[in-house]
Amino acid sequence: MTVGNGKRRQPTLSQLRAFVAVAEHLHFRDAAAAIGMSQPALSGAVSALEETLGVTLLERTTRKVLLSSAGERLAVRAKAVLDEVGALLEEAEAVRAPFTGALRLGVIPTVAPYLLPAVLRLVHERYPQLDLQVHEEQTASLLDGLHSGRLDLLLLAVPLGVPGVVELPLFDEDFVLVTPLDHWLGGREGIPREALRELHLLLLDEGHCLRDQALDICREAGREDAPVTTTAAGLSTLVQLVAGGLGCTLLPRTALKLETSRSSQLLTGCFADPAPSRRVAFAMRAGAARAAEYEELATALREALRALPVRVLDGPE
């Protein structure tokens, strides 16, 4: 459809938001509530969009709403347009006032309890205008949130090897062996990795990257089987199982003090150099509008973490 000057009419952002909401919910009342619009206004916006585009987007019945074939195709385009507009606004905000507004940080459970105190203290002292919002999730969920735009920055173990994701390495840390009091490796230094071949090792549930790292360490030590008979949802439970004599486990050094202080029935052992280790980093979308801020935050956090039992990295390698 064209107007008097011969130019095609353009859909408005309000019309696109209304249509995308209906496409997602397939229900006018739910869609209207989701975007804070009255139901008549939402229905009118979708009808206006259909008129502007010259296609029928929805099949309306008394009981339900369905997308037409054209609606299914155009809903994807409409969402992409809204995502790009959101990115434009985000970039404008970043240019206008760095370290202000919301920063949605995703953190894995095996990092969150041990590093968040330093992160929160840093943000409070150096970036008081930053609205830090923390989401603790497993790696797969965090990456999905980063790609979808639900999250802005991740704090997790790397390497990820995911296209479109840039890693900002922060530090490396060794793993230590946690054992019951009567275990023959308890308290020992210079433990060879090969000792892992014979241990009854307790691991986290599937989905935790720390579980995968522990299994990789076992394979590197020459252990072919997966030493899994008992698992736990978190490190605190895992350590309590060790204290109860059910086996041994591997802990990253940043978790050692907090987790082992809860029981007097534990000993720790250190591996011979080079000890098995993990790398922790920030991760952001390639081309993120606030990339310079995230890099500055990574530099500041590296300095804040020097008091921890880790090997702080100077920057991207």
C-alpha atoms as a PDB file:
ATOM      1  CA  MET A   1       0.000   0.000   0.000  1.00  0.00           C
ATOM      2  CA  THR A   2       1.262   3.486  -0.832  1.00  0.00           C
ATOM      3  CA  VAL A   3       0.405   6.976   0.345  1.00  0.00           C
ATOM      4  CA  GLY A   4       0.027  10.194  -1.614  1.00  0.00           C
ATOM      5  CA  ASN A   5       3.742  10.841  -2.174  1.00  0.00           C
ATOM      6  CA  GLY A   6       4.197   7.386  -3.728  1.00  0.00           C
ATOM      7  CA  LYS A   7       6.139   5.919  -0.793  1.00  0.00           C
ATOM      8  CA  ARG A   8       5.116   2.650   0.786  1.00  0.00           C
ATOM      9  CA  ARG A   9       3.719   2.979   4.288  1.00  0.00           C
ATOM     10  CA  GLN A  10       5.988   1.650   7.022  1.00  0.00           C
ATOM     11  CA  PRO A  11       4.857  -0.482   9.967  1.00  0.00           C
ATOM     12  CA  THR A  12       5.396   1.071  13.383  1.00  0.00           C
ATOM     13  CA  LEU A  13       7.372  -0.505  16.214  1.00  0.00           C
ATOM     14  CA  SER A  14       4.178  -0.637  18.260  1.00  0.00           C
ATOM     15  CA  GLN A  15       2.502  -2.685  15.531  1.00  0.00           C
ATOM     16  CA  LEU A  16       5.463  -5.046  15.321  1.00  0.00           C
ATOM     17  CA  ARG A  17       5.571  -5.518  19.113  1.00  0.00           C
ATOM     18  CA  ALA A  18       1.863  -6.291  19.150  1.00  0.00           C
ATOM     19  CA  PHE A  19       2.168  -8.842  16.352  1.00  0.00           C
ATOM     20  CA  VAL A  20       5.242 -10.562  17.875  1.00  0.00           C
ATOM     21  CA  ALA A  21       3.465 -10.791  21.233  1.00  0.00           C
ATOM     22  CA  VAL A  22       0.422 -12.422  19.637  1.00  0.00           C
ATOM     23  CA  ALA A  23       2.655 -14.756  17.630  1.00  0.00           C
ATOM     24  CA  GLU A  24       4.383 -15.866  20.844  1.00  0.00           C
ATOM     25  CA  HIS A  25       1.286 -16.261  23.012  1.00  0.00           C
ATOM     26  CA  LEU A  26      -1.409 -17.072  20.389  1.00  0.00           C
ATOM     27  CA  HIS A  27      -3.823 -15.357  22.735  1.00  0.00           C
ATOM     28  CA  PHE A  28      -4.838 -11.692  22.609  1.00  0.00           C
ATOM     29  CA  ARG A  29      -5.359 -11.247  26.345  1.00  0.00           C
ATOM     30  CA  ASP A  30      -2.069 -12.877  27.294  1.00  0.00           C
ATOM     31  CA  ALA A  31      -0.195 -11.001  24.583  1.00  0.00           C
ATOM     32  CA  ALA A  32      -1.675  -7.671  25.673  1.00  0.00           C
ATOM     33  CA  ALA A  33      -0.699  -8.326  29.295  1.00  0.00           C
ATOM     34  CA  ALA A  34       2.832  -9.308  28.276  1.00  0.00           C
ATOM     35  CA  ILE A  35       3.555  -5.957  26.602  1.00  0.00           C
ATOM     36  CA  GLY A  36       1.398  -3.746  28.810  1.00  0.00           C
ATOM     37  CA  MET A  37      -1.138  -2.844  26.125  1.00  0.00           C
ATOM     38  CA  SER A  38      -4.916  -2.974  26.284  1.00  0.00           C
ATOM     39  CA  GLN A  39      -6.485  -5.819  24.338  1.00  0.00           C
ATOM     40  CA  PRO A  40      -8.433  -3.512  21.950  1.00  0.00           C
ATOM     41  CA  ALA A  41      -5.280  -1.484  21.258  1.00  0.00           C
ATOM     42  CA  LEU A  42      -3.293  -4.647  20.571  1.00  0.00           C
ATOM     43  CA  SER A  43      -5.955  -6.021  18.220  1.00  0.00           C
ATOM     44  CA  GLY A  44      -6.091  -2.695  16.407  1.00  0.00           C
ATOM     45  CA  ALA A  45      -2.300  -2.576  16.056  1.00  0.00           C
ATOM     46  CA  VAL A  46      -2.199  -6.053  14.491  1.00  0.00           C
ATOM     47  CA  SER A  47      -5.037  -5.166  12.123  1.00  0.00           C
ATOM     48  CA  ALA A  48      -3.214  -1.972  11.127  1.00  0.00           C
ATOM     49  CA  LEU A  49      -0.056  -3.976  10.464  1.00  0.00           C
ATOM     50  CA  GLU A  50      -1.986  -6.384   8.236  1.00  0.00           C
ATOM     51  CA  GLU A  51      -3.376  -3.433   6.303  1.00  0.00           C
ATOM     52  CA  THR A  52       0.072  -1.846   5.958  1.00  0.00           C
ATOM     53  CA  LEU A  53       1.685  -5.066   4.758  1.00  0.00           C
ATOM     54  CA  GLY A  54      -1.273  -6.154   2.637  1.00  0.00           C
ATOM     55  CA  VAL A  55      -1.282  -9.703   4.049  1.00  0.00           C
ATOM     56  CA  THR A  56      -3.318 -11.662   6.576  1.00  0.00           C
ATOM     57  CA  LEU A  57      -1.130 -12.504   9.524  1.00  0.00           C
ATOM     58  CA  LEU A  58      -3.619 -14.228  11.827  1.00  0.00           C
ATOM     59  CA  GLU A  59      -6.506 -16.640  11.539  1.00  0.00           C
ATOM     60  CA  ARG A  60      -9.031 -15.535  14.143  1.00  0.00           C
ATOM     61  CA  THR A  61     -11.741 -17.835  15.513  1.00  0.00           C
ATOM     62  CA  THR A  62     -13.983 -17.529  18.539  1.00  0.00           C
ATOM     63  CA  ARG A  63     -11.794 -19.940  20.506  1.00  0.00           C
ATOM     64  CA  LYS A  64      -8.201 -19.363  19.473  1.00  0.00           C
ATOM     65  CA  VAL A  65      -5.727 -17.423  17.366  1.00  0.00           C
ATOM     66  CA  LEU A  66      -3.515 -19.086  14.774  1.00  0.00           C
ATOM     67  CA  LEU A  67      -0.728 -17.734  12.604  1.00  0.00           C
ATOM     68  CA  SER A  68      -1.342 -17.846   8.880  1.00  0.00           C
ATOM     69  CA  SER A  69       1.460 -19.175   6.685  1.00  0.00           C
ATOM     70  CA  ALA A  70       2.442 -15.569   5.954  1.00  0.00           C
ATOM     71  CA  GLY A  71       2.239 -14.778   9.675  1.00  0.00           C
ATOM     72  CA  GLU A  72       4.652 -17.584  10.539  1.00  0.00           C
ATOM     73  CA  ARG A  73       7.218 -16.257   8.078  1.00  0.00           C
ATOM     74  CA  LEU A  74       6.830 -12.594   8.976  1.00  0.00           C
ATOM     75  CA  ALA A  75       6.855 -13.203  12.747  1.00  0.00           C
ATOM     76  CA  VAL A  76      10.515 -14.241  12.473  1.00  0.00           C
ATOM     77  CA  ARG A  77      11.326 -11.064  10.542  1.00  0.00           C
ATOM     78  CA  ALA A  78       9.386  -8.886  12.950  1.00  0.00           C
ATOM     79  CA  LYS A  79      11.216 -10.296  15.963  1.00  0.00           C
ATOM     80  CA  ALA A  80      14.555  -9.739  14.235  1.00  0.00           C
ATOM     81  CA  VAL A  81      13.632  -6.094  13.605  1.00  0.00           C
ATOM     82  CA  LEU A  82      12.714  -5.591  17.275  1.00  0.00           C
ATOM     83  CA  ASP A  83      15.954  -7.275  18.377  1.00  0.00           C
ATOM     84  CA  GLU A  84      17.955  -4.901  16.198  1.00  0.00           C
ATOM     85  CA  VAL A  85      16.092  -1.896  17.570  1.00  0.00           C
ATOM     86  CA  GLY A  86      16.880  -3.141  21.074  1.00  0.00           C
ATOM     87  CA  ALA A  87      20.558  -3.420  20.156  1.00  0.00           C
ATOM     88  CA  LEU A  88      20.472   0.121  18.770  1.00  0.00           C
ATOM     89  CA  LEU A  89      19.050   1.459  22.026  1.00  0.00           C
ATOM     90  CA  GLU A  90      21.570  -0.532  24.054  1.00  0.00           C
ATOM     91  CA  GLU A  91      24.445   0.879  22.034  1.00  0.00           C
ATOM     92  CA  ALA A  92      23.128   4.413  22.389  1.00  0.00           C
ATOM     93  CA  GLU A  93      22.880   3.959  26.156  1.00  0.00           C
ATOM     94  CA  ALA A  94      26.403   2.578  26.358  1.00  0.00           C
ATOM     95  CA  VAL A  95      27.845   5.494  24.388  1.00  0.00           C
ATOM     96  CA  ARG A  96      25.886   8.026  26.392  1.00  0.00           C
ATOM     97  CA  ALA A  97      26.843   6.803  29.876  1.00  0.00           C
ATOM     98  CA  PRO A  98      29.257   3.859  30.374  1.00  0.00           C
ATOM     99  CA  PHE A  99      28.730   1.699  33.477  1.00  0.00           C
ATOM    100  CA  THR A 100      25.156   2.828  33.996  1.00  0.00           C
ATOM    101  CA  GLY A 101      21.884   0.980  33.499  1.00  0.00           C
ATOM    102  CA  ALA A 102      21.421  -2.775  33.830  1.00  0.00           C
ATOM    103  CA  LEU A 103      24.126  -5.382  33.379  1.00  0.00           C
ATOM    104  CA  ARG A 104      22.698  -8.910  33.348  1.00  0.00           C
ATOM    105  CA  LEU A 105      25.520 -11.188  34.495  1.00  0.00           C
ATOM    106  CA  GLY A 106      25.227 -14.966  34.191  1.00  0.00           C
ATOM    107  CA  VAL A 107      27.389 -17.102  36.503  1.00  0.00           C
ATOM    108  CA  ILE A 108      27.837 -20.870  36.779  1.00  0.00           C
ATOM    109  CA  PRO A 109      27.118 -22.474  40.197  1.00  0.00           C
ATOM    110  CA  THR A 110      30.720 -23.641  40.711  1.00  0.00           C
ATOM    111  CA  VAL A 111      31.954 -20.044  40.433  1.00  0.00           C
ATOM    112  CA  ALA A 112      29.156 -17.920  41.888  1.00  0.00           C
ATOM    113  CA  PRO A 113      29.591 -18.478  45.670  1.00  0.00           C
ATOM    114  CA  TYR A 114      33.362 -17.974  45.544  1.00  0.00           C
ATOM    115  CA  LEU A 115      33.813 -15.034  43.147  1.00  0.00           C
ATOM    116  CA  LEU A 116      30.610 -13.036  43.521  1.00  0.00           C
ATOM    117  CA  PRO A 117      31.745 -11.359  46.763  1.00  0.00           C
ATOM    118  CA  ALA A 118      34.694  -9.842  44.885  1.00  0.00           C
ATOM    119  CA  VAL A 119      32.543  -8.953  41.877  1.00  0.00           C
ATOM    120  CA  LEU A 120      29.844  -7.287  43.978  1.00  0.00           C
ATOM    121  CA  ARG A 121      32.375  -5.359  46.059  1.00  0.00           C
ATOM    122  CA  LEU A 122      34.116  -4.132  42.904  1.00  0.00           C
ATOM    123  CA  VAL A 123      30.880  -2.970  41.291  1.00  0.00           C
ATOM    124  CA  HIS A 124      29.707  -1.273  44.494  1.00  0.00           C
ATOM    125  CA  GLU A 125      32.958   0.614  44.983  1.00  0.00           C
ATOM    126  CA  ARG A 126      33.964   1.480  41.416  1.00  0.00           C
ATOM    127  CA  TYR A 127      30.721   1.420  39.395  1.00  0.00           C
ATOM    128  CA  PRO A 128      27.957   2.530  41.798  1.00  0.00           C
ATOM    129  CA  GLN A 129      25.617   3.571  38.952  1.00  0.00           C
ATOM    130  CA  LEU A 130      25.688   0.085  37.409  1.00  0.00           C
ATOM    131  CA  ASP A 131      22.574  -2.018  38.047  1.00  0.00           C
ATOM    132  CA  LEU A 132      24.151  -5.491  38.308  1.00  0.00           C
ATOM    133  CA  GLN A 133      21.624  -8.314  37.942  1.00  0.00           C
ATOM    134  CA  VAL A 134      22.988 -11.810  38.667  1.00  0.00           C
ATOM    135  CA  HIS A 135      21.616 -15.054  37.195  1.00  0.00           C
ATOM    136  CA  GLU A 136      23.085 -18.381  38.408  1.00  0.00           C
ATOM    137  CA  GLU A 137      22.609 -21.097  35.779  1.00  0.00           C
ATOM    138  CA  GLN A 138      24.474 -23.956  34.150  1.00  0.00           C
ATOM    139  CA  THR A 139      26.685 -23.287  31.137  1.00  0.00           C
ATOM    140  CA  ALA A 140      24.260 -24.366  28.404  1.00  0.00           C
ATOM    141  CA  SER A 141      21.498 -22.156  29.796  1.00  0.00           C
ATOM    142  CA  LEU A 142      23.884 -19.216  30.147  1.00  0.00           C
ATOM    143  CA  LEU A 143      25.040 -19.490  26.542  1.00  0.00           C
ATOM    144  CA  ASP A 144      21.456 -19.681  25.355  1.00  0.00           C
ATOM    145  CA  GLY A 145      20.701 -16.546  27.363  1.00  0.00           C
ATOM    146  CA  LEU A 146      23.718 -14.757  25.909  1.00  0.00           C
ATOM    147  CA  HIS A 147      22.752 -15.603  22.330  1.00  0.00           C
ATOM    148  CA  SER A 148      19.106 -14.630  22.847  1.00  0.00           C
ATOM    149  CA  GLY A 149      19.992 -11.311  24.478  1.00  0.00           C
ATOM    150  CA  ARG A 150      18.529 -12.315  27.859  1.00  0.00           C
ATOM    151  CA  LEU A 151      22.020 -12.016  29.385  1.00  0.00           C
ATOM    152  CA  ASP A 152      24.781  -9.509  28.645  1.00  0.00           C
ATOM    153  CA  LEU A 153      27.918 -11.037  30.141  1.00  0.00           C
ATOM    154  CA  LEU A 154      28.880 -14.459  31.504  1.00  0.00           C
ATOM    155  CA  LEU A 155      31.333 -15.563  34.200  1.00  0.00           C
ATOM    156  CA  LEU A 156      32.221 -19.215  33.675  1.00  0.00           C
ATOM    157  CA  ALA A 157      34.851 -21.832  32.911  1.00  0.00           C
ATOM    158  CA  VAL A 158      36.428 -21.815  29.450  1.00  0.00           C
ATOM    159  CA  PRO A 159      37.300 -22.629  26.722  1.00  0.00           C
ATOM    160  CA  LEU A 160      33.833 -22.668  25.248  1.00  0.00           C
ATOM    161  CA  GLY A 161      34.638 -22.904  21.558  1.00  0.00           C
ATOM    162  CA  VAL A 162      31.318 -21.298  20.646  1.00  0.00           C
ATOM    163  CA  PRO A 163      31.088 -19.165  17.473  1.00  0.00           C
ATOM    164  CA  GLY A 164      30.077 -15.580  18.103  1.00  0.00           C
ATOM    165  CA  VAL A 165      31.272 -15.603  21.729  1.00  0.00           C
ATOM    166  CA  VAL A 166      34.399 -13.713  22.835  1.00  0.00           C
ATOM    167  CA  GLU A 167      36.222 -14.878  25.966  1.00  0.00           C
ATOM    168  CA  LEU A 168      38.033 -12.481  28.329  1.00  0.00           C
ATOM    169  CA  PRO A 169      40.268 -14.759  30.466  1.00  0.00           C
ATOM    170  CA  LEU A 170      40.559 -13.799  34.135  1.00  0.00           C
ATOM    171  CA  PHE A 171      42.592 -16.497  35.908  1.00  0.00           C
ATOM    172  CA  ASP A 172      43.681 -20.119  36.107  1.00  0.00           C
ATOM    173  CA  GLU A 173      43.224 -22.177  39.285  1.00  0.00           C
ATOM    174  CA  ASP A 174      44.350 -25.635  40.322  1.00  0.00           C
ATOM    175  CA  PHE A 175      42.140 -28.495  41.438  1.00  0.00           C
ATOM    176  CA  VAL A 176      42.800 -30.151  44.795  1.00  0.00           C
ATOM    177  CA  LEU A 177      41.781 -33.578  46.018  1.00  0.00           C
ATOM    178  CA  VAL A 178      39.341 -33.664  48.949  1.00  0.00           C
ATOM    179  CA  THR A 179      39.290 -36.916  50.940  1.00  0.00           C
ATOM    180  CA  PRO A 180      37.887 -38.371  54.179  1.00  0.00           C
ATOM    181  CA  LEU A 181      40.162 -38.218  57.248  1.00  0.00           C
ATOM    182  CA  ASP A 182      41.303 -41.824  56.955  1.00  0.00           C
ATOM    183  CA  HIS A 183      42.148 -41.770  53.234  1.00  0.00           C
ATOM    184  CA  TRP A 184      45.708 -42.639  52.290  1.00  0.00           C
ATOM    185  CA  LEU A 185      46.039 -39.560  50.042  1.00  0.00           C
ATOM    186  CA  GLY A 186      44.621 -37.139  52.610  1.00  0.00           C
ATOM    187  CA  GLY A 187      46.974 -34.227  53.315  1.00  0.00           C
ATOM    188  CA  ARG A 188      49.621 -35.366  50.841  1.00  0.00           C
ATOM    189  CA  GLU A 189      51.614 -33.094  48.516  1.00  0.00           C
ATOM    190  CA  GLY A 190      52.825 -33.987  45.035  1.00  0.00           C
ATOM    191  CA  ILE A 191      50.071 -36.493  44.293  1.00  0.00           C
ATOM    192  CA  PRO A 192      50.566 -37.942  40.795  1.00  0.00           C
ATOM    193  CA  ARG A 193      47.596 -37.659  38.474  1.00  0.00           C
ATOM    194  CA  GLU A 194      47.774 -41.396  37.936  1.00  0.00           C
ATOM    195  CA  ALA A 195      46.395 -41.853  41.455  1.00  0.00           C
ATOM    196  CA  LEU A 196      42.998 -40.849  40.053  1.00  0.00           C
ATOM    197  CA  ARG A 197      42.830 -44.165  38.211  1.00  0.00           C
ATOM    198  CA  GLU A 198      42.049 -46.046  41.420  1.00  0.00           C
ATOM    199  CA  LEU A 199      39.959 -43.525  43.380  1.00  0.00           C
ATOM    200  CA  HIS A 200      36.250 -43.720  44.090  1.00  0.00           C
ATOM    201  CA  LEU A 201      35.506 -40.244  42.770  1.00  0.00           C
ATOM    202  CA  LEU A 202      32.279 -38.349  43.471  1.00  0.00           C
ATOM    203  CA  LEU A 203      31.068 -35.903  40.813  1.00  0.00           C
ATOM    204  CA  LEU A 204      28.428 -33.264  40.191  1.00  0.00           C
ATOM    205  CA  ASP A 205      25.282 -34.046  38.216  1.00  0.00           C
ATOM    206  CA  GLU A 206      25.262 -33.905  34.432  1.00  0.00           C
ATOM    207  CA  GLY A 207      25.082 -30.385  33.028  1.00  0.00           C
ATOM    208  CA  HIS A 208      27.795 -28.963  35.289  1.00  0.00           C
ATOM    209  CA  CYS A 209      30.961 -28.077  33.418  1.00  0.00           C
ATOM    210  CA  LEU A 210      32.988 -29.008  36.503  1.00  0.00           C
ATOM    211  CA  ARG A 211      31.782 -32.589  36.110  1.00  0.00           C
ATOM    212  CA  ASP A 212      33.038 -32.649  32.509  1.00  0.00           C
ATOM    213  CA  GLN A 213      36.365 -31.150  33.586  1.00  0.00           C
ATOM    214  CA  ALA A 214      36.798 -33.815  36.269  1.00  0.00           C
ATOM    215  CA  LEU A 215      36.076 -36.564  33.759  1.00  0.00           C
ATOM    216  CA  ASP A 216      38.599 -35.038  31.340  1.00  0.00           C
ATOM    217  CA  ILE A 217      41.224 -35.015  34.102  1.00  0.00           C
ATOM    218  CA  CYS A 218      40.513 -38.675  34.804  1.00  0.00           C
ATOM    219  CA  ARG A 219      40.867 -39.562  31.128  1.00  0.00           C
ATOM    220  CA  GLU A 220      44.160 -37.649  30.947  1.00  0.00           C
ATOM    221  CA  ALA A 221      45.328 -39.719  33.926  1.00  0.00           C
ATOM    222  CA  GLY A 222      44.592 -42.892  31.961  1.00  0.00           C
ATOM    223  CA  ARG A 223      41.234 -43.766  33.475  1.00  0.00           C
ATOM    224  CA  GLU A 224      38.856 -45.062  30.828  1.00  0.00           C
ATOM    225  CA  ASP A 225      35.700 -45.686  32.853  1.00  0.00           C
ATOM    226  CA  ALA A 226      33.446 -42.916  34.125  1.00  0.00           C
ATOM    227  CA  PRO A 227      33.847 -43.082  37.938  1.00  0.00           C
ATOM    228  CA  VAL A 228      30.242 -42.184  38.676  1.00  0.00           C
ATOM    229  CA  THR A 229      28.113 -44.017  41.197  1.00  0.00           C
ATOM    230  CA  THR A 230      27.042 -41.087  43.396  1.00  0.00           C
ATOM    231  CA  THR A 231      26.461 -37.532  42.197  1.00  0.00           C
ATOM    232  CA  ALA A 232      25.353 -34.239  43.738  1.00  0.00           C
ATOM    233  CA  ALA A 233      23.656 -31.068  42.538  1.00  0.00           C
ATOM    234  CA  GLY A 234      26.182 -28.757  44.194  1.00  0.00           C
ATOM    235  CA  LEU A 235      29.686 -28.652  45.652  1.00  0.00           C
ATOM    236  CA  SER A 236      28.420 -28.301  49.232  1.00  0.00           C
ATOM    237  CA  THR A 237      26.576 -31.623  49.020  1.00  0.00           C
ATOM    238  CA  LEU A 238      29.501 -33.231  47.245  1.00  0.00           C
ATOM    239  CA  VAL A 239      31.895 -32.296  50.049  1.00  0.00           C
ATOM    240  CA  GLN A 240      29.492 -33.566  52.702  1.00  0.00           C
ATOM    241  CA  LEU A 241      29.354 -36.917  50.891  1.00  0.00           C
ATOM    242  CA  VAL A 242      33.153 -37.046  51.057  1.00  0.00           C
ATOM    243  CA  ALA A 243      33.060 -36.215  54.779  1.00  0.00           C
ATOM    244  CA  GLY A 244      30.650 -39.134  55.204  1.00  0.00           C
ATOM    245  CA  GLY A 245      33.200 -41.498  53.718  1.00  0.00           C
ATOM    246  CA  LEU A 246      31.519 -42.169  50.364  1.00  0.00           C
ATOM    247  CA  GLY A 247      34.559 -41.264  48.287  1.00  0.00           C
ATOM    248  CA  CYS A 248      36.801 -38.390  47.175  1.00  0.00           C
ATOM    249  CA  THR A 249      36.232 -35.405  44.943  1.00  0.00           C
ATOM    250  CA  LEU A 250      38.020 -32.601  43.086  1.00  0.00           C
ATOM    251  CA  LEU A 251      37.510 -28.980  44.099  1.00  0.00           C
ATOM    252  CA  PRO A 252      38.794 -25.798  42.469  1.00  0.00           C
ATOM    253  CA  ARG A 253      40.992 -23.847  44.891  1.00  0.00           C
ATOM    254  CA  THR A 254      38.586 -20.904  45.076  1.00  0.00           C
ATOM    255  CA  ALA A 255      35.945 -23.219  46.555  1.00  0.00           C
ATOM    256  CA  LEU A 256      38.221 -25.002  49.002  1.00  0.00           C
ATOM    257  CA  LYS A 257      38.102 -22.681  52.033  1.00  0.00           C
ATOM    258  CA  LEU A 258      34.341 -22.191  52.056  1.00  0.00           C
ATOM    259  CA  GLU A 259      33.355 -25.785  51.343  1.00  0.00           C
ATOM    260  CA  THR A 260      35.809 -27.626  53.601  1.00  0.00           C
ATOM    261  CA  SER A 261      35.277 -25.319  56.599  1.00  0.00           C
ATOM    262  CA  ARG A 262      31.889 -26.943  57.226  1.00  0.00           C
ATOM    263  CA  SER A 263      33.307 -30.288  58.324  1.00  0.00           C
ATOM    264  CA  SER A 264      36.192 -31.529  60.466  1.00  0.00           C
ATOM    265  CA  GLN A 265      36.124 -34.893  58.691  1.00  0.00           C
ATOM    266  CA  LEU A 266      38.042 -33.801  55.599  1.00  0.00           C
ATOM    267  CA  LEU A 267      41.611 -33.623  54.354  1.00  0.00           C
ATOM    268  CA  THR A 268      42.965 -32.115  51.152  1.00  0.00           C
ATOM    269  CA  GLY A 269      45.764 -33.257  48.908  1.00  0.00           C
ATOM    270  CA  CYS A 270      47.700 -31.327  46.268  1.00  0.00           C
ATOM    271  CA  PHE A 271      48.732 -32.701  42.891  1.00  0.00           C
ATOM    272  CA  ALA A 272      52.241 -32.662  41.519  1.00  0.00           C
ATOM    273  CA  ASP A 273      53.019 -29.907  39.020  1.00  0.00           C
ATOM    274  CA  PRO A 274      51.544 -29.300  36.578  1.00  0.00           C
ATOM    275  CA  ALA A 275      48.386 -29.752  38.622  1.00  0.00           C
ATOM    276  CA  PRO A 276      45.055 -30.186  36.819  1.00  0.00           C
ATOM    277  CA  SER A 277      43.421 -26.775  36.529  1.00  0.00           C
ATOM    278  CA  ARG A 278      40.605 -24.770  35.007  1.00  0.00           C
ATOM    279  CA  ARG A 279      40.398 -21.306  33.446  1.00  0.00           C
ATOM    280  CA  VAL A 280      37.675 -18.840  34.396  1.00  0.00           C
ATOM    281  CA  ALA A 281      36.711 -15.961  32.119  1.00  0.00           C
ATOM    282  CA  PHE A 282      34.105 -13.434  31.159  1.00  0.00           C
ATOM    283  CA  ALA A 283      32.290 -14.229  27.921  1.00  0.00           C
ATOM    284  CA  MET A 284      30.396 -11.745  25.757  1.00  0.00           C
ATOM    285  CA  ARG A 285      28.760 -11.635  22.352  1.00  0.00           C
ATOM    286  CA  ALA A 286      31.120 -10.779  19.498  1.00  0.00           C
ATOM    287  CA  GLY A 287      30.496  -7.168  18.560  1.00  0.00           C
ATOM    288  CA  ALA A 288      28.697  -6.386  21.823  1.00  0.00           C
ATOM    289  CA  ALA A 289      27.829  -2.701  22.092  1.00  0.00           C
ATOM    290  CA  ARG A 290      29.375  -2.525  25.554  1.00  0.00           C
ATOM    291  CA  ALA A 291      32.505  -4.526  24.735  1.00  0.00           C
ATOM    292  CA  ALA A 292      34.840  -1.764  25.948  1.00  0.00           C
ATOM    293  CA  GLU A 293      33.041  -1.695  29.308  1.00  0.00           C
ATOM    294  CA  TYR A 294      33.275  -5.465  29.691  1.00  0.00           C
ATOM    295  CA  GLU A 295      36.991  -5.383  28.907  1.00  0.00           C
ATOM    296  CA  GLU A 296      37.535  -2.634  31.487  1.00  0.00           C
ATOM    297  CA  LEU A 297      35.513  -4.613  34.026  1.00  0.00           C
ATOM    298  CA  ALA A 298      37.646  -7.695  33.331  1.00  0.00           C
ATOM    299  CA  THR A 299      40.842  -5.688  33.915  1.00  0.00           C
ATOM    300  CA  ALA A 300      39.510  -4.325  37.213  1.00  0.00           C
ATOM    301  CA  LEU A 301      38.340  -7.758  38.362  1.00  0.00           C
ATOM    302  CA  ARG A 302      41.717  -9.342  37.655  1.00  0.00           C
ATOM    303  CA  GLU A 303      43.278  -6.900  40.102  1.00  0.00           C
ATOM    304  CA  ALA A 304      40.558  -7.551  42.682  1.00  0.00           C
ATOM    305  CA  LEU A 305      41.163 -11.315  42.498  1.00  0.00           C
ATOM    306  CA  ARG A 306      44.911 -11.252  43.201  1.00  0.00           C
ATOM    307  CA  ALA A 307      44.278 -12.060  46.861  1.00  0.00           C
ATOM    308  CA  LEU A 308      42.663 -15.383  45.915  1.00  0.00           C
ATOM    309  CA  PRO A 309      44.617 -18.649  45.411  1.00  0.00           C
ATOM    310  CA  VAL A 310      44.610 -18.283  41.614  1.00  0.00           C
ATOM    311  CA  ARG A 311      46.991 -17.338  38.809  1.00  0.00           C
ATOM    312  CA  VAL A 312      45.629 -14.058  37.490  1.00  0.00           C
ATOM    313  CA  LEU A 313      46.069 -13.569  33.752  1.00  0.00           C
ATOM    314  CA  ASP A 314      47.222 -10.297  32.232  1.00  0.00           C
ATOM    315  CA  GLY A 315      44.537 -10.333  29.543  1.00  0.00           C
ATOM    316  CA  PRO A 316      43.472 -12.181  26.385  1.00  0.00           C
ATOM    317  CA  GLU A 317      46.095 -14.666  25.255  1.00  0.00           C
END
